[in-house]
Amino acid sequence: MKLALVVHDFDPGYGQGRYCVEIARRLAGRIEIEVHSNTWNTDPIPGTVWRKVPAWRKNVVTTVASFLPSAARSLRRYPATLVHAQGLSCWSANVITAHICNAARRAHLAGSPLTARAFAAGISPVERSFYRRQKNAHLIAVSEVVRREVRDNYGWSGASSVIYHGTDITRFRPPESTAERAEARQRYGLPAEAWVWLFVGEAVKGLREIIRILPQFPTVHLLAITRSVRDEYQALAESLGVAGRTHLRGPESKLELAYRSADVFVYPAHYDSFALVATEAMASGLPVLLGNQIGAAELITAGENGLLCDPRNPDSIQQQLHWIQNHPDRAAVLGRAARKTLERHTWDDCVASTWSVYQQMDSFLASKKVE
């Protein structure tokens, strides 16, 4: 088997890139792998060859539009027996991992920038055409949410599997001592004895809702790590009198330290196809409060290894956080159970399931050749 992994960026710092990097690392030496991507941002991987795909990276629209024909040319020049595409990254694939469904995502972008809304609206018909032409491919969805969305919005009726993203449970783990936790808190300017909520991700996935209920919790400090522009959220915190307890930070290279500094992970997202940040928090032993419709919520049994809330109902978020605050021992049990759950969802588990799909497709393609 010769595998072509097609992805815009072969980069462990991003969801799709991380997924492909983990696959390549674990299958290195077992099969021949060629990565067709615009960038390679990780160490060399034995037995893995990079085929650079030119793309115009001015914005997400130019990236997708220019990458598609370039990837097609690259795959014609360097043919493979099995092509694994990351969503709409090439026109023909044997295996497709759906990381998101933009047609479904559109309904959740009301508070997002116009560019994001315009992209989702424009790309949805192209995605629909892409999925409808892949009649013999196998769809890997990163959650049941995504599998249902691709089926309902794009008419997918072929073979499919749900394979959750893995989590690095060695990197993301609970603090081993009070000193380690104190050191992590010092990094973010957090008081040693404060009760700390942590939010990680795009601000539209719940940061405004969290800041708005912060006045109801006078002893809480909020640490928020986001790539989003933070000015309006800082202004909101100031208007509510909680700016001194709201710590807004940009992207963090040592994200594991943020999890070790916190007491609870709060992510009341209306929509997220999966949410690696949620599983990283679970692996870090934190009690998690998640929006009840996101992909990672499928790993939660409410009251056993985490809590769920209705993001559209501030009372739902507030009540769950009051429960955690009033029941610290039981919250700690949730965190330990969350960690146990993620020990069954490592990158090894993810790649093993993906390898099974590869073997099925390899056999299927071999049988088609015989016919």
Protein backbone atom coordinates (compact mmCIF):
# COMPACT_ATOMS: atom_id res chain seq x y z
CA MET A 1 0.00 0.00 0.00
CA LYS A 2 1.19 3.49 -0.87
CA LEU A 3 -0.74 6.13 1.06
CA ALA A 4 -1.23 9.75 0.03
CA LEU A 5 -2.24 12.03 2.89
CA VAL A 6 -3.74 15.25 1.50
CA VAL A 7 -3.97 18.21 3.89
CA HIS A 8 -3.40 21.96 3.59
CA ASP A 9 -0.84 22.07 6.41
CA PHE A 10 1.06 19.10 7.81
CA ASP A 11 1.31 20.81 11.16
CA PRO A 12 0.67 19.37 14.67
CA GLY A 13 -0.50 22.80 15.82
CA TYR A 14 -3.81 22.47 13.94
CA GLY A 15 -6.56 19.83 14.13
CA GLN A 16 -6.37 18.38 10.62
CA GLY A 17 -2.60 18.71 10.52
CA ARG A 18 -2.22 17.04 13.92
CA TYR A 19 -4.39 14.14 12.76
CA CYS A 20 -2.22 13.55 9.67
CA VAL A 21 1.03 13.92 11.61
CA GLU A 22 -0.11 11.33 14.15
CA ILE A 23 -1.12 8.92 11.37
CA ALA A 24 2.24 9.30 9.61
CA ARG A 25 4.23 8.86 12.81
CA ARG A 26 2.44 5.67 13.78
CA LEU A 27 2.38 4.07 10.34
CA ALA A 28 5.97 5.00 9.49
CA GLY A 29 7.80 1.89 8.33
CA ARG A 30 4.60 -0.10 7.87
CA ILE A 31 3.60 1.45 4.55
CA GLU A 32 4.95 4.02 2.10
CA ILE A 33 3.50 7.47 2.86
CA GLU A 34 3.52 10.65 0.81
CA VAL A 35 2.18 13.88 2.30
CA HIS A 36 0.65 16.28 -0.22
CA SER A 37 0.47 19.61 1.60
CA ASN A 38 1.37 23.26 1.23
CA THR A 39 3.49 23.30 4.39
CA TRP A 40 5.39 20.81 6.54
CA ASN A 41 5.88 22.05 10.08
CA THR A 42 7.21 19.09 12.03
CA ASP A 43 10.34 16.95 12.30
CA PRO A 44 11.18 14.47 9.51
CA ILE A 45 9.28 11.18 9.72
CA PRO A 46 11.08 8.03 8.50
CA GLY A 47 9.59 6.60 5.32
CA THR A 48 7.41 9.67 4.76
CA VAL A 49 7.96 11.91 1.72
CA TRP A 50 6.67 15.47 1.36
CA ARG A 51 5.13 16.56 -1.93
CA LYS A 52 4.73 20.32 -1.70
CA VAL A 53 1.41 21.56 -3.07
CA PRO A 54 1.51 25.24 -4.16
CA ALA A 55 -1.30 27.44 -2.85
CA TRP A 56 -2.14 31.11 -2.65
CA ARG A 57 -2.46 31.71 1.10
CA LYS A 58 -3.92 35.23 1.16
CA ASN A 59 -7.04 33.97 2.98
CA VAL A 60 -9.06 30.80 3.47
CA VAL A 61 -10.91 31.24 0.15
CA THR A 62 -7.75 31.61 -1.93
CA THR A 63 -6.16 28.72 -0.03
CA VAL A 64 -8.98 26.27 -0.83
CA ALA A 65 -9.45 27.49 -4.41
CA SER A 66 -5.76 27.30 -5.31
CA PHE A 67 -4.95 24.13 -3.35
CA LEU A 68 -7.57 21.95 -5.07
CA PRO A 69 -6.14 22.05 -8.62
CA SER A 70 -2.57 21.93 -7.31
CA ALA A 71 -3.36 18.82 -5.24
CA ALA A 72 -4.93 17.16 -8.29
CA ARG A 73 -1.75 17.78 -10.29
CA SER A 74 0.42 16.52 -7.45
CA LEU A 75 -1.59 13.29 -7.14
CA ARG A 76 -1.39 12.70 -10.91
CA ARG A 77 2.37 13.19 -10.82
CA TYR A 78 2.84 11.01 -7.73
CA PRO A 79 0.03 8.43 -7.83
CA ALA A 80 -0.82 6.38 -4.75
CA THR A 81 -2.83 3.21 -4.19
CA LEU A 82 -4.87 4.92 -1.45
CA VAL A 83 -5.69 8.64 -1.16
CA HIS A 84 -6.81 9.99 2.23
CA ALA A 85 -8.24 13.50 1.94
CA GLN A 86 -8.97 15.87 4.80
CA GLY A 87 -12.39 17.11 3.79
CA LEU A 88 -12.39 19.22 0.63
CA SER A 89 -8.64 19.02 -0.03
CA CYS A 90 -8.63 17.12 -3.35
CA TRP A 91 -11.28 16.13 -5.89
CA SER A 92 -10.85 12.34 -5.74
CA ALA A 93 -10.22 10.26 -2.63
CA ASN A 94 -10.60 6.73 -1.32
CA VAL A 95 -10.88 7.80 2.32
CA ILE A 96 -12.23 11.17 3.46
CA THR A 97 -12.05 12.47 6.99
CA ALA A 98 -14.81 15.01 7.57
CA HIS A 99 -13.54 17.39 10.25
CA ILE A 100 -16.46 19.78 9.78
CA CYS A 101 -19.61 20.30 7.70
CA ASN A 102 -19.81 23.93 6.62
CA ALA A 103 -23.44 23.70 5.57
CA ALA A 104 -24.35 22.86 9.17
CA ARG A 105 -21.81 25.30 10.61
CA ARG A 106 -23.50 28.23 8.82
CA ALA A 107 -26.41 28.19 11.27
CA HIS A 108 -24.05 28.85 14.19
CA LEU A 109 -22.09 31.79 12.78
CA ALA A 110 -24.44 34.66 13.65
CA GLY A 111 -21.86 36.37 15.89
CA SER A 112 -18.88 35.60 13.68
CA PRO A 113 -17.08 37.99 11.32
CA LEU A 114 -18.63 38.52 7.89
CA THR A 115 -15.68 36.77 6.24
CA ALA A 116 -16.37 33.55 8.17
CA ARG A 117 -20.07 33.65 7.29
CA ALA A 118 -19.34 34.37 3.65
CA PHE A 119 -16.84 31.51 3.43
CA ALA A 120 -19.26 28.99 4.96
CA ALA A 121 -22.00 30.08 2.57
CA GLY A 122 -19.75 29.94 -0.47
CA ILE A 123 -17.96 26.69 0.28
CA SER A 124 -21.07 24.64 1.18
CA PRO A 125 -22.21 24.03 -2.45
CA VAL A 126 -18.65 23.04 -3.39
CA GLU A 127 -18.48 20.62 -0.45
CA ARG A 128 -21.84 19.16 -1.46
CA SER A 129 -20.54 18.51 -4.97
CA PHE A 130 -17.34 17.00 -3.57
CA TYR A 131 -19.09 14.53 -1.28
CA ARG A 132 -21.63 13.50 -3.91
CA ARG A 133 -18.93 12.57 -6.42
CA GLN A 134 -17.03 10.30 -3.97
CA LYS A 135 -19.36 7.33 -4.49
CA ASN A 136 -16.89 4.58 -3.56
CA ALA A 137 -14.99 6.37 -0.80
CA HIS A 138 -15.16 5.62 2.92
CA LEU A 139 -16.15 8.55 5.12
CA ILE A 140 -14.45 8.94 8.50
CA ALA A 141 -16.34 11.44 10.65
CA VAL A 142 -14.67 12.89 13.74
CA SER A 143 -17.97 12.65 15.62
CA GLU A 144 -21.48 11.32 15.20
CA VAL A 145 -22.55 14.95 14.85
CA VAL A 146 -20.43 15.36 11.73
CA ARG A 147 -21.49 12.04 10.20
CA ARG A 148 -25.15 13.04 10.60
CA GLU A 149 -24.50 16.52 9.18
CA VAL A 150 -22.68 15.24 6.09
CA ARG A 151 -25.48 12.75 5.50
CA ASP A 152 -28.31 15.25 6.00
CA ASN A 153 -26.75 18.24 4.22
CA TYR A 154 -24.76 16.59 1.46
CA GLY A 155 -26.64 13.36 0.87
CA TRP A 156 -23.84 11.00 1.86
CA SER A 157 -25.06 7.39 1.65
CA GLY A 158 -21.80 5.47 1.37
CA ALA A 159 -19.71 3.61 3.91
CA SER A 160 -18.84 5.60 7.02
CA SER A 161 -17.21 5.32 10.44
CA VAL A 162 -16.95 7.58 13.45
CA ILE A 163 -13.37 7.78 14.70
CA TYR A 164 -12.78 10.33 17.42
CA HIS A 165 -9.58 12.32 17.39
CA GLY A 166 -6.95 11.02 19.78
CA THR A 167 -5.37 12.93 22.64
CA ASP A 168 -1.78 12.94 23.84
CA ILE A 169 -2.36 11.70 27.40
CA THR A 170 1.33 12.02 28.23
CA ARG A 171 1.47 15.71 27.44
CA PHE A 172 -2.00 16.45 28.79
CA ARG A 173 -2.13 15.12 32.35
CA PRO A 174 -3.04 16.36 35.83
CA PRO A 175 -0.38 18.26 37.81
CA GLU A 176 1.78 15.88 39.81
CA SER A 177 2.14 18.19 42.80
CA THR A 178 0.84 21.41 44.30
CA ALA A 179 4.17 22.99 43.39
CA GLU A 180 3.67 22.14 39.72
CA ARG A 181 0.20 23.62 39.80
CA ALA A 182 1.43 26.76 41.57
CA GLU A 183 4.16 27.20 38.95
CA ALA A 184 1.59 26.91 36.16
CA ARG A 185 -0.61 29.52 37.84
CA GLN A 186 2.30 31.88 38.22
CA ARG A 187 2.86 31.69 34.46
CA TYR A 188 -0.59 33.20 33.90
CA GLY A 189 -0.67 35.60 36.83
CA LEU A 190 -3.35 33.61 38.65
CA PRO A 191 -3.68 33.79 42.45
CA ALA A 192 -2.44 30.61 44.10
CA GLU A 193 -5.68 29.96 46.02
CA ALA A 194 -8.26 31.20 43.49
CA TRP A 195 -10.88 29.01 41.89
CA VAL A 196 -9.99 29.09 38.19
CA TRP A 197 -12.14 28.51 35.15
CA LEU A 198 -10.37 27.81 31.88
CA PHE A 199 -11.65 28.50 28.37
CA VAL A 200 -9.61 27.61 25.27
CA GLY A 201 -10.64 28.19 21.68
CA GLU A 202 -12.32 30.65 19.35
CA ALA A 203 -14.06 33.32 21.41
CA VAL A 204 -17.40 32.77 19.61
CA LYS A 205 -17.54 29.32 21.18
CA GLY A 206 -18.71 30.62 24.54
CA LEU A 207 -16.31 33.23 25.89
CA ARG A 208 -18.92 36.02 25.94
CA GLU A 209 -21.38 33.82 27.84
CA ILE A 210 -18.77 32.93 30.44
CA ILE A 211 -17.72 36.53 31.06
CA ARG A 212 -21.35 37.58 31.45
CA ILE A 213 -21.96 35.16 34.33
CA LEU A 214 -18.62 35.85 36.03
CA PRO A 215 -20.13 38.56 38.32
CA GLN A 216 -22.24 35.79 39.90
CA PHE A 217 -19.02 34.09 41.08
CA PRO A 218 -17.05 36.75 43.02
CA THR A 219 -14.13 34.44 43.92
CA VAL A 220 -13.55 33.04 40.43
CA HIS A 221 -10.75 33.93 38.04
CA LEU A 222 -11.18 33.20 34.35
CA LEU A 223 -8.24 32.26 32.15
CA ALA A 224 -9.14 32.42 28.45
CA ILE A 225 -6.69 31.41 25.73
CA THR A 226 -7.86 32.32 22.25
CA ARG A 227 -6.64 33.22 18.78
CA SER A 228 -9.57 35.62 18.44
CA VAL A 229 -9.30 39.40 18.75
CA ARG A 230 -9.72 40.05 22.46
CA ASP A 231 -10.57 43.77 22.63
CA GLU A 232 -14.36 43.42 22.80
CA TYR A 233 -14.11 40.73 25.48
CA GLN A 234 -11.78 42.86 27.55
CA ALA A 235 -14.27 45.73 27.21
CA LEU A 236 -17.11 43.46 28.29
CA ALA A 237 -15.17 42.35 31.37
CA GLU A 238 -14.46 45.97 32.26
CA SER A 239 -18.10 46.97 31.86
CA LEU A 240 -19.13 44.17 34.23
CA GLY A 241 -16.46 45.01 36.80
CA VAL A 242 -14.64 41.70 36.41
CA ALA A 243 -11.59 42.79 34.39
CA GLY A 244 -9.29 42.13 37.34
CA ARG A 245 -10.43 38.52 37.39
CA THR A 246 -10.43 37.98 33.62
CA HIS A 247 -7.11 36.90 32.14
CA LEU A 248 -7.24 37.00 28.34
CA ARG A 249 -4.27 35.45 26.58
CA GLY A 250 -3.31 34.81 22.98
CA PRO A 251 -2.14 31.48 21.50
CA GLU A 252 -0.12 29.38 23.94
CA SER A 253 2.68 27.00 22.92
CA LYS A 254 2.65 25.29 26.34
CA LEU A 255 -1.09 24.72 26.45
CA GLU A 256 -0.76 21.78 28.82
CA LEU A 257 0.30 24.24 31.54
CA ALA A 258 -2.96 26.16 31.16
CA TYR A 259 -4.94 23.00 31.91
CA ARG A 260 -2.78 22.25 34.94
CA SER A 261 -3.45 25.74 36.30
CA ALA A 262 -7.25 25.38 36.27
CA ASP A 263 -9.98 23.88 38.46
CA VAL A 264 -12.64 23.44 35.76
CA PHE A 265 -12.82 23.64 31.98
CA VAL A 266 -15.79 25.64 30.66
CA TYR A 267 -16.68 25.36 26.97
CA PRO A 268 -20.34 26.28 26.34
CA ALA A 269 -19.99 26.17 22.56
CA HIS A 270 -23.13 26.21 20.44
CA TYR A 271 -21.30 24.30 17.72
CA ASP A 272 -18.05 22.40 17.37
CA SER A 273 -17.60 19.37 15.17
CA PHE A 274 -15.35 17.82 17.82
CA ALA A 275 -13.28 20.10 20.14
CA LEU A 276 -9.81 18.76 20.86
CA VAL A 277 -9.54 21.33 23.65
CA ALA A 278 -12.30 19.49 25.52
CA THR A 279 -10.56 16.13 25.34
CA GLU A 280 -7.24 17.74 26.30
CA ALA A 281 -8.96 19.13 29.40
CA MET A 282 -10.42 15.71 30.18
CA ALA A 283 -7.00 14.09 29.81
CA SER A 284 -5.67 16.74 32.19
CA GLY A 285 -8.09 15.49 34.86
CA LEU A 286 -10.34 18.55 34.87
CA PRO A 287 -14.09 18.44 35.39
CA VAL A 288 -15.49 19.73 32.12
CA LEU A 289 -18.66 21.64 31.30
CA LEU A 290 -19.42 21.37 27.59
CA GLY A 291 -22.13 22.55 25.23
CA ASN A 292 -24.48 19.61 24.84
CA GLN A 293 -24.44 19.51 21.01
CA ILE A 294 -20.70 19.50 20.25
CA GLY A 295 -18.82 16.44 19.04
CA ALA A 296 -16.79 15.87 22.21
CA ALA A 297 -20.04 15.83 24.23
CA GLU A 298 -20.53 12.33 22.78
CA LEU A 299 -17.77 11.16 25.14
CA ILE A 300 -19.60 12.54 28.19
CA THR A 301 -22.03 10.67 30.40
CA ALA A 302 -23.45 13.58 32.35
CA GLY A 303 -22.73 13.34 36.04
CA GLU A 304 -20.20 10.53 35.58
CA ASN A 305 -17.24 11.94 33.65
CA GLY A 306 -18.36 15.52 33.00
CA LEU A 307 -21.29 17.90 32.75
CA LEU A 308 -23.29 19.28 29.82
CA CYS A 309 -25.16 22.54 29.43
CA ASP A 310 -27.50 24.30 27.02
CA PRO A 311 -25.32 27.14 25.64
CA ARG A 312 -28.41 29.16 24.74
CA ASN A 313 -29.55 29.20 28.36
CA PRO A 314 -27.24 31.18 30.70
CA ASP A 315 -29.03 29.66 33.69
CA SER A 316 -28.00 26.20 32.51
CA ILE A 317 -24.33 27.20 32.45
CA GLN A 318 -24.56 29.02 35.77
CA GLN A 319 -26.35 26.19 37.57
CA GLN A 320 -23.77 23.62 36.52
CA LEU A 321 -20.90 25.85 37.62
CA HIS A 322 -22.58 26.47 40.99
CA TRP A 323 -22.90 22.70 41.38
CA ILE A 324 -19.18 22.22 40.72
CA GLN A 325 -18.31 25.01 43.14
CA ASN A 326 -20.54 23.56 45.87
CA HIS A 327 -19.39 19.96 45.38
CA PRO A 328 -15.59 20.08 44.94
CA ASP A 329 -15.08 16.44 45.97
CA ARG A 330 -17.63 15.17 43.47
CA ALA A 331 -16.22 17.48 40.82
CA ALA A 332 -12.80 15.92 41.41
CA VAL A 333 -14.36 12.50 40.82
CA LEU A 334 -15.67 13.75 37.47
CA GLY A 335 -12.17 14.89 36.55
CA ARG A 336 -10.63 11.53 37.39
CA ALA A 337 -13.32 9.73 35.41
CA ALA A 338 -12.71 12.08 32.47
CA ARG A 339 -9.05 11.13 32.51
CA LYS A 340 -9.99 7.42 32.50
CA THR A 341 -12.25 7.99 29.50
CA LEU A 342 -9.45 9.61 27.51
CA GLU A 343 -7.08 6.76 28.29
CA ARG A 344 -9.29 4.81 25.86
CA HIS A 345 -9.12 7.52 23.20
CA THR A 346 -5.42 8.04 22.54
CA TRP A 347 -3.80 8.73 19.18
CA ASP A 348 -2.76 5.06 19.11
CA ASP A 349 -6.45 4.10 19.30
CA CYS A 350 -7.40 6.64 16.63
CA VAL A 351 -4.72 5.50 14.18
CA ALA A 352 -5.48 1.82 14.80
CA SER A 353 -9.11 2.43 13.81
CA THR A 354 -8.01 4.46 10.78
CA TRP A 355 -5.64 1.68 9.74
CA SER A 356 -8.58 -0.75 9.77
CA VAL A 357 -10.40 1.53 7.32
CA TYR A 358 -7.31 1.62 5.09
CA GLN A 359 -7.18 -2.18 5.03
CA GLN A 360 -10.88 -2.41 4.14
CA MET A 361 -10.48 0.09 1.31
CA ASP A 362 -7.30 -1.56 0.06
CA SER A 363 -9.15 -4.89 -0.20
CA PHE A 364 -12.12 -3.21 -1.87
CA LEU A 365 -9.91 -1.49 -4.47
CA ALA A 366 -8.06 -4.75 -5.14
CA SER A 367 -11.35 -6.53 -5.75
CA LYS A 368 -12.47 -3.78 -8.16
CA LYS A 369 -9.27 -4.27 -10.18
CA VAL A 370 -9.96 -8.02 -10.45
CA GLU A 371 -13.44 -7.29 -11.77
